[in-house]
C-alpha atoms as a PDB file:
ATOM      1  CA  MET A   1    -101.060 -29.790 -15.075  1.00  0.00           C
ATOM      2  CA  ILE A   2     -98.790 -28.750 -18.154  1.00  0.00           C
ATOM      3  CA  GLU A   3    -101.808 -28.904 -20.565  1.00  0.00           C
ATOM      4  CA  LYS A   4    -104.130 -26.777 -18.219  1.00  0.00           C
ATOM      5  CA  ILE A   5    -101.362 -24.218 -18.107  1.00  0.00           C
ATOM      6  CA  ARG A   6    -101.103 -24.287 -22.029  1.00  0.00           C
ATOM      7  CA  ARG A   7    -104.542 -23.965 -22.400  1.00  0.00           C
ATOM      8  CA  ILE A   8    -104.782 -20.787 -20.212  1.00  0.00           C
ATOM      9  CA  TRP A   9    -101.648 -19.469 -22.041  1.00  0.00           C
ATOM     10  CA  CYS A  10    -103.658 -20.326 -25.459  1.00  0.00           C
ATOM     11  CA  GLU A  11    -106.795 -18.510 -24.130  1.00  0.00           C
ATOM     12  CA  GLN A  12    -104.915 -15.523 -22.966  1.00  0.00           C
ATOM     13  CA  PHE A  13    -102.889 -14.848 -26.081  1.00  0.00           C
ATOM     14  CA  GLY A  14    -105.844 -15.659 -28.317  1.00  0.00           C
ATOM     15  CA  ARG A  15    -104.029 -18.343 -30.240  1.00  0.00           C
ATOM     16  CA  PRO A  16    -104.120 -22.327 -30.223  1.00  0.00           C
ATOM     17  CA  ASP A  17    -100.547 -23.163 -31.406  1.00  0.00           C
ATOM     18  CA  ILE A  18     -98.460 -22.300 -28.075  1.00  0.00           C
ATOM     19  CA  ALA A  19     -96.037 -25.129 -27.254  1.00  0.00           C
ATOM     20  CA  THR A  20     -95.076 -25.627 -23.725  1.00  0.00           C
ATOM     21  CA  THR A  21     -91.397 -24.285 -24.725  1.00  0.00           C
ATOM     22  CA  ASP A  22     -92.520 -21.130 -26.312  1.00  0.00           C
ATOM     23  CA  ASP A  23     -91.123 -18.014 -24.360  1.00  0.00           C
ATOM     24  CA  PHE A  24     -93.848 -15.544 -22.876  1.00  0.00           C
ATOM     25  CA  PHE A  25     -91.658 -12.708 -23.922  1.00  0.00           C
ATOM     26  CA  ALA A  26     -90.947 -13.847 -27.480  1.00  0.00           C
ATOM     27  CA  LEU A  27     -94.810 -14.439 -27.966  1.00  0.00           C
ATOM     28  CA  GLY A  28     -95.236 -10.689 -27.345  1.00  0.00           C
ATOM     29  CA  GLY A  29     -96.426 -11.060 -23.769  1.00  0.00           C
ATOM     30  CA  SER A  30     -97.187  -8.100 -21.656  1.00  0.00           C
ATOM     31  CA  SER A  31     -97.754  -7.157 -18.147  1.00  0.00           C
ATOM     32  CA  ILE A  32    -101.681  -7.194 -18.842  1.00  0.00           C
ATOM     33  CA  VAL A  33    -101.338 -10.887 -20.522  1.00  0.00           C
ATOM     34  CA  MET A  34     -99.323 -11.912 -17.413  1.00  0.00           C
ATOM     35  CA  MET A  35    -101.901 -10.649 -14.922  1.00  0.00           C
ATOM     36  CA  ARG A  36    -104.602 -12.428 -17.012  1.00  0.00           C
ATOM     37  CA  ILE A  37    -102.787 -15.513 -17.004  1.00  0.00           C
ATOM     38  CA  GLN A  38    -102.161 -15.350 -13.047  1.00  0.00           C
ATOM     39  CA  GLY A  39    -105.830 -15.001 -12.628  1.00  0.00           C
ATOM     40  CA  ALA A  40    -106.724 -17.837 -14.763  1.00  0.00           C
ATOM     41  CA  LEU A  41    -104.288 -19.851 -13.061  1.00  0.00           C
ATOM     42  CA  MET A  42    -105.604 -18.804  -9.670  1.00  0.00           C
ATOM     43  CA  ASP A  43    -109.153 -19.558 -10.938  1.00  0.00           C
ATOM     44  CA  ASP A  44    -108.407 -23.114 -12.407  1.00  0.00           C
ATOM     45  CA  LEU A  45    -105.653 -24.442 -10.046  1.00  0.00           C
ATOM     46  CA  HIS A  46    -106.878 -22.493  -6.825  1.00  0.00           C
ATOM     47  CA  ILE A  47    -103.340 -21.303  -6.097  1.00  0.00           C
ATOM     48  CA  ASP A  48    -102.140 -17.844  -5.737  1.00  0.00           C
ATOM     49  CA  ILE A  49     -99.063 -17.630  -7.918  1.00  0.00           C
ATOM     50  CA  PRO A  50     -96.855 -14.510  -7.463  1.00  0.00           C
ATOM     51  CA  ILE A  51     -96.578 -12.718 -10.580  1.00  0.00           C
ATOM     52  CA  ASP A  52     -92.789 -12.490 -10.098  1.00  0.00           C
ATOM     53  CA  GLU A  53     -92.599 -16.135  -9.830  1.00  0.00           C
ATOM     54  CA  LEU A  54     -94.519 -16.297 -13.458  1.00  0.00           C
ATOM     55  CA  TYR A  55     -91.835 -13.850 -14.847  1.00  0.00           C
ATOM     56  CA  ARG A  56     -89.150 -15.982 -13.572  1.00  0.00           C
ATOM     57  CA  ARG A  57     -90.474 -19.000 -15.469  1.00  0.00           C
ATOM     58  CA  PRO A  58     -91.426 -17.463 -18.996  1.00  0.00           C
ATOM     59  CA  THR A  59     -92.483 -20.893 -20.614  1.00  0.00           C
ATOM     60  CA  VAL A  60     -95.459 -23.286 -19.754  1.00  0.00           C
ATOM     61  CA  ALA A  61     -93.051 -25.973 -19.241  1.00  0.00           C
ATOM     62  CA  GLU A  62     -91.109 -24.069 -16.546  1.00  0.00           C
ATOM     63  CA  THR A  63     -94.235 -22.833 -14.661  1.00  0.00           C
ATOM     64  CA  ALA A  64     -95.691 -26.329 -14.549  1.00  0.00           C
ATOM     65  CA  GLN A  65     -92.369 -27.833 -13.252  1.00  0.00           C
ATOM     66  CA  TRP A  66     -92.109 -25.135 -10.686  1.00  0.00           C
ATOM     67  CA  LEU A  67     -95.719 -25.848  -9.516  1.00  0.00           C
ATOM     68  CA  GLU A  68     -95.228 -29.518  -9.450  1.00  0.00           C
ATOM     69  CA  ASN A  69     -92.133 -29.028  -7.147  1.00  0.00           C
ATOM     70  CA  SER A  70     -93.700 -26.430  -4.973  1.00  0.00           C
ATOM     71  CA  THR A  71     -96.063 -26.759  -1.962  1.00  0.00           C
ATOM     72  CA  VAL A  72     -98.895 -24.574  -1.224  1.00  0.00           C
ATOM     73  CA  ALA A  73     -96.743 -23.011   1.444  1.00  0.00           C
ATOM     74  CA  ASP A  74     -94.144 -21.953  -1.124  1.00  0.00           C
ATOM     75  CA  VAL A  75     -96.750 -20.742  -3.578  1.00  0.00           C
ATOM     76  CA  GLY A  76     -99.215 -18.943  -1.252  1.00  0.00           C
ATOM     77  CA  ASP A  77    -102.887 -20.091  -0.327  1.00  0.00           C
ATOM     78  CA  CYS A  78    -105.552 -19.153  -2.417  1.00  0.00           C
ATOM     79  CA  PRO A  79    -107.142 -15.612  -1.074  1.00  0.00           C
ATOM     80  CA  GLY A  80    -110.212 -15.998   1.246  1.00  0.00           C
ATOM     81  CA  SER A  81    -109.230 -19.558   2.210  1.00  0.00           C
ATOM     82  CA  SER A  82    -108.759 -19.799   6.010  1.00  0.00           C
ATOM     83  CA  GLY A  83    -106.268 -22.464   5.972  1.00  0.00           C
ATOM     84  CA  ASN A  84    -108.221 -24.353   8.409  1.00  0.00           C
ATOM     85  CA  SER A  85    -109.781 -27.410   7.223  1.00  0.00           C
END
């Protein structure tokens, strides 16, 4: 999962050299970039990650760790899913 998140950050920042410990804000991240990251994570991981949770975890590693320790109930269902299988 960490590599998927890192790839998304690289795509959204337009640079291939982002490390898992690089800070979003130190990289020059803006609210627009964060919204693009959120959308890409939703598309790729099928989880609606609240934007405030992403801001609280400003590195790839912190985001990945939080996702790995969270359940879908903690994170939120993907929009459009009924929750009934």
